[in-house]
Amino acid sequence: MLEKSKVLTQIQNAGIVAVVRGNSKEEAYQTAKACIQGGVGSIELAFTAPHADEVIGKLNEEYAGDADVLIGAGTVLDPQTARVAIIAGASYIVSPSFSEEVAKVCNLYTIPYIPGCMTPTDIQQALTFGSEIVKLFPGSIMGSSMISELHGPFPQVKVMVTGGVKLDNLAEWFDKGAKIVGVGGQMVGPAALGDFEKVIENARQFKDQVNEIRHSNTDKVLL
């Protein structure tokens, strides 16, 4: 398993995480594979999917030699689930909200914990308990301006936005200060209909656009 610092660096360098769910173990597995084939190697495998721990284990085994693939666990609501995910091989843990007990388990195993946050109080708690990336969730309700406002009192916080991220608003999120975006239905939605080729295409479009936006932003800074 990668060191915590390397996992955090890889997530930030990727700039995009695929939020993968599924009505079955096979659907979740095939969806994750399609995202990876489309170039999005950071996978957040939600524990709403049946046998999510087995899917994490299978993906880790299959992509063990691929440095661009990073399998994490999402929708982790309690410390018991966090431990199951970590034992299965999850490289990072994501929650829809902040949990002190989940944070403690992740710290014990030196696994990055990315909790969902909506308020400055949430963010302060997350930072206090060692989170280096926080998930602004749901982004569709919070709005992109929330990121720049939060960077006033918390200039050091690294924000991953999940919920409401689309191809046509990607630039706005990054321009406002997001470091990473988490994309669910907009990328993986066709998997529910068995159209994994469309998932590959969606993943490729998102990844290409994220790369283009970040390179453009880098050029602006250099100028």
Protein backbone atom coordinates (compact mmCIF):
# COMPACT_ATOMS: atom_id res chain seq x y z
CA MET A 1 0.00 0.00 0.00
CA LEU A 2 1.24 3.51 -0.86
CA GLU A 3 2.33 5.89 1.87
CA LYS A 4 -0.27 8.44 2.95
CA SER A 5 1.67 11.37 1.50
CA LYS A 6 2.01 9.63 -1.87
CA VAL A 7 -1.71 8.87 -2.00
CA LEU A 8 -2.59 12.50 -1.28
CA THR A 9 -0.14 13.70 -3.93
CA GLN A 10 -1.51 11.26 -6.50
CA ILE A 11 -5.11 12.34 -5.89
CA GLN A 12 -4.18 16.01 -6.24
CA ASN A 13 -2.10 15.39 -9.35
CA ALA A 14 -4.98 13.50 -10.95
CA GLY A 15 -7.40 16.34 -10.26
CA ILE A 16 -10.44 14.11 -10.74
CA VAL A 17 -11.99 11.19 -8.86
CA ALA A 18 -14.67 8.90 -10.30
CA VAL A 19 -17.48 8.25 -7.81
CA VAL A 20 -18.57 4.69 -8.62
CA ARG A 21 -21.76 3.10 -7.38
CA GLY A 22 -23.66 0.10 -8.72
CA ASN A 23 -26.73 -2.05 -8.21
CA SER A 24 -24.55 -5.16 -8.20
CA LYS A 25 -20.98 -6.16 -7.53
CA GLU A 26 -20.40 -6.76 -11.25
CA GLU A 27 -21.85 -3.41 -12.27
CA ALA A 28 -19.63 -1.55 -9.81
CA TYR A 29 -16.58 -3.50 -10.97
CA GLN A 30 -17.24 -2.93 -14.67
CA THR A 31 -18.00 0.75 -14.06
CA ALA A 32 -14.71 1.26 -12.25
CA LYS A 33 -12.84 -0.51 -15.05
CA ALA A 34 -14.52 1.69 -17.64
CA CYS A 35 -13.47 4.85 -15.77
CA ILE A 36 -9.90 3.60 -15.58
CA GLN A 37 -9.91 2.76 -19.30
CA GLY A 38 -11.12 6.31 -19.95
CA GLY A 39 -8.15 7.73 -18.07
CA VAL A 40 -9.67 8.42 -14.65
CA GLY A 41 -7.58 6.20 -12.41
CA SER A 42 -8.65 7.54 -9.01
CA ILE A 43 -11.75 5.56 -8.07
CA GLU A 44 -14.05 6.21 -5.10
CA LEU A 45 -15.93 2.91 -4.77
CA ALA A 46 -19.06 3.70 -2.79
CA PHE A 47 -20.10 1.32 -0.04
CA THR A 48 -23.69 1.58 -1.23
CA ALA A 49 -22.64 -0.97 -3.88
CA PRO A 50 -23.12 -4.62 -2.86
CA HIS A 51 -19.90 -6.29 -1.67
CA ALA A 52 -17.95 -3.07 -2.18
CA ASP A 53 -15.01 -4.45 -0.20
CA GLU A 54 -14.71 -7.38 -2.62
CA VAL A 55 -14.78 -5.01 -5.59
CA ILE A 56 -11.99 -2.94 -4.03
CA GLY A 57 -9.93 -6.06 -3.48
CA LYS A 58 -10.50 -7.30 -7.03
CA LEU A 59 -9.57 -3.95 -8.58
CA ASN A 60 -6.44 -3.68 -6.45
CA GLU A 61 -5.36 -7.14 -7.52
CA GLU A 62 -6.01 -6.44 -11.20
CA TYR A 63 -4.26 -3.06 -11.27
CA ALA A 64 -1.50 -3.80 -8.78
CA GLY A 65 1.21 -2.80 -11.23
CA ASP A 66 -0.49 0.34 -12.55
CA ALA A 67 0.88 3.47 -10.89
CA ASP A 68 -1.95 5.59 -12.30
CA VAL A 69 -4.70 3.62 -10.54
CA LEU A 70 -5.75 4.40 -6.99
CA ILE A 71 -8.75 2.66 -5.42
CA GLY A 72 -10.50 4.32 -2.50
CA ALA A 73 -13.75 3.75 -0.62
CA GLY A 74 -16.68 6.15 -0.54
CA THR A 75 -19.88 6.62 1.46
CA VAL A 76 -18.06 5.39 4.56
CA LEU A 77 -20.35 6.31 7.46
CA ASP A 78 -18.87 4.52 10.46
CA PRO A 79 -15.55 3.21 11.80
CA GLN A 80 -16.50 -0.42 11.20
CA THR A 81 -16.99 0.21 7.49
CA ALA A 82 -13.78 2.22 7.36
CA ARG A 83 -11.83 -0.69 8.81
CA VAL A 84 -13.43 -3.17 6.38
CA ALA A 85 -12.52 -0.88 3.47
CA ILE A 86 -8.95 -0.42 4.65
CA ILE A 87 -8.44 -4.15 5.13
CA ALA A 88 -9.83 -4.70 1.61
CA GLY A 89 -7.09 -2.39 0.32
CA ALA A 90 -8.72 1.04 0.04
CA SER A 91 -6.00 3.67 -0.36
CA TYR A 92 -8.22 6.47 0.93
CA ILE A 93 -11.58 6.90 2.65
CA VAL A 94 -14.31 9.34 1.64
CA SER A 95 -17.45 10.22 3.60
CA PRO A 96 -20.48 12.41 2.83
CA SER A 97 -20.00 14.09 6.23
CA PHE A 98 -17.34 14.40 8.91
CA SER A 99 -17.05 11.56 11.45
CA GLU A 100 -14.62 11.83 14.35
CA GLU A 101 -14.62 8.05 14.79
CA VAL A 102 -13.89 7.39 11.11
CA ALA A 103 -11.09 9.97 11.27
CA LYS A 104 -9.55 8.13 14.23
CA VAL A 105 -9.57 4.78 12.39
CA CYS A 106 -8.01 6.35 9.30
CA ASN A 107 -5.34 8.04 11.41
CA LEU A 108 -4.62 4.73 13.15
CA TYR A 109 -3.96 3.07 9.79
CA THR A 110 -2.34 6.21 8.26
CA ILE A 111 -4.98 6.30 5.52
CA PRO A 112 -6.12 9.66 4.06
CA TYR A 113 -9.62 10.64 5.17
CA ILE A 114 -11.62 12.98 2.91
CA PRO A 115 -14.83 13.96 4.73
CA GLY A 116 -17.79 15.83 3.30
CA CYS A 117 -18.09 19.35 4.68
CA MET A 118 -20.73 22.08 4.34
CA THR A 119 -19.73 24.64 6.97
CA PRO A 120 -16.61 26.28 8.42
CA THR A 121 -17.23 24.24 11.57
CA ASP A 122 -17.10 21.01 9.56
CA ILE A 123 -13.86 22.07 7.91
CA GLN A 124 -12.22 23.10 11.19
CA GLN A 125 -13.11 19.72 12.71
CA ALA A 126 -11.78 17.86 9.69
CA LEU A 127 -8.49 19.76 9.74
CA THR A 128 -8.17 19.27 13.51
CA PHE A 129 -8.48 15.51 13.05
CA GLY A 130 -5.85 15.37 10.33
CA SER A 131 -7.72 15.62 7.03
CA GLU A 132 -5.60 17.31 4.36
CA ILE A 133 -8.33 17.29 1.72
CA VAL A 134 -11.97 18.07 2.46
CA LYS A 135 -14.92 17.31 0.21
CA LEU A 136 -17.24 20.24 -0.44
CA PHE A 137 -20.54 18.41 -0.63
CA PRO A 138 -23.03 18.80 -2.15
CA GLY A 139 -21.36 21.20 -4.54
CA SER A 140 -24.59 21.80 -6.45
CA ILE A 141 -26.10 23.44 -3.36
CA MET A 142 -22.98 25.17 -2.02
CA GLY A 143 -21.91 26.81 -5.27
CA SER A 144 -18.42 27.51 -6.53
CA SER A 145 -18.10 30.84 -4.68
CA MET A 146 -18.10 28.89 -1.42
CA ILE A 147 -14.55 27.70 -2.17
CA SER A 148 -13.03 31.16 -2.52
CA GLU A 149 -14.91 32.33 0.58
CA LEU A 150 -13.61 29.38 2.62
CA HIS A 151 -10.05 30.12 1.54
CA GLY A 152 -10.29 33.36 3.51
CA PRO A 153 -10.26 31.74 6.98
CA PHE A 154 -8.79 28.46 5.74
CA PRO A 155 -6.18 29.35 3.06
CA GLN A 156 -4.43 26.02 3.59
CA VAL A 157 -7.44 23.79 2.94
CA LYS A 158 -7.45 21.66 -0.21
CA VAL A 159 -10.96 21.24 -1.58
CA MET A 160 -12.45 18.38 -3.57
CA VAL A 161 -15.87 19.27 -4.95
CA THR A 162 -18.45 16.51 -5.40
CA GLY A 163 -22.07 16.88 -6.46
CA GLY A 164 -23.06 19.09 -9.36
CA VAL A 165 -19.80 18.77 -11.29
CA LYS A 166 -20.41 18.78 -15.03
CA LEU A 167 -18.34 19.25 -18.16
CA ASP A 168 -19.77 22.72 -18.67
CA ASN A 169 -18.87 23.97 -15.18
CA LEU A 170 -15.51 22.28 -14.60
CA ALA A 171 -13.54 25.46 -15.30
CA GLU A 172 -15.62 27.42 -12.80
CA TRP A 173 -14.84 25.01 -9.95
CA PHE A 174 -11.10 25.10 -10.61
CA ASP A 175 -11.08 28.86 -11.15
CA LYS A 176 -12.65 29.31 -7.70
CA GLY A 177 -9.94 27.23 -6.06
CA ALA A 178 -10.94 23.56 -6.18
CA LYS A 179 -7.95 21.20 -6.30
CA ILE A 180 -9.94 18.08 -7.23
CA VAL A 181 -13.40 17.28 -8.54
CA GLY A 182 -15.39 14.16 -7.79
CA VAL A 183 -17.73 13.11 -10.59
CA GLY A 184 -20.51 10.57 -10.25
CA GLY A 185 -23.61 10.30 -12.40
CA GLN A 186 -22.38 12.69 -15.08
CA MET A 187 -19.62 10.19 -15.81
CA VAL A 188 -20.87 6.79 -14.73
CA GLY A 189 -24.63 7.15 -15.22
CA PRO A 190 -24.77 5.06 -18.42
CA ALA A 191 -23.46 2.05 -16.48
CA ALA A 192 -26.94 1.52 -15.03
CA LEU A 193 -28.05 0.69 -18.58
CA GLY A 194 -25.03 -1.50 -19.22
CA ASP A 195 -23.42 1.07 -21.53
CA PHE A 196 -19.85 0.90 -20.27
CA GLU A 197 -18.47 2.20 -23.57
CA LYS A 198 -20.27 5.47 -22.87
CA VAL A 199 -18.70 5.54 -19.40
CA ILE A 200 -15.27 5.20 -21.04
CA GLU A 201 -16.10 8.07 -23.38
CA ASN A 202 -17.39 10.25 -20.53
CA ALA A 203 -14.32 9.55 -18.41
CA ARG A 204 -12.04 10.47 -21.29
CA GLN A 205 -13.90 13.75 -21.85
CA PHE A 206 -13.74 14.71 -18.18
CA LYS A 207 -10.07 13.80 -17.85
CA ASP A 208 -9.08 15.66 -21.01
CA GLN A 209 -10.97 18.77 -19.94
CA VAL A 210 -9.51 18.72 -16.42
CA ASN A 211 -6.01 18.50 -17.89
CA GLU A 212 -6.72 21.35 -20.30
CA ILE A 213 -8.13 23.59 -17.56
CA ARG A 214 -5.26 22.97 -15.17
CA HIS A 215 -2.63 23.54 -17.84
CA SER A 216 -4.38 26.75 -18.83
CA ASN A 217 -4.46 27.92 -15.20
CA THR A 218 -0.75 27.13 -14.84
CA ASP A 219 0.01 29.21 -17.92
CA LYS A 220 -1.95 32.14 -16.44
CA VAL A 221 0.11 31.99 -13.24
CA LEU A 222 3.37 31.94 -15.22
CA LEU A 223 2.24 34.99 -17.17
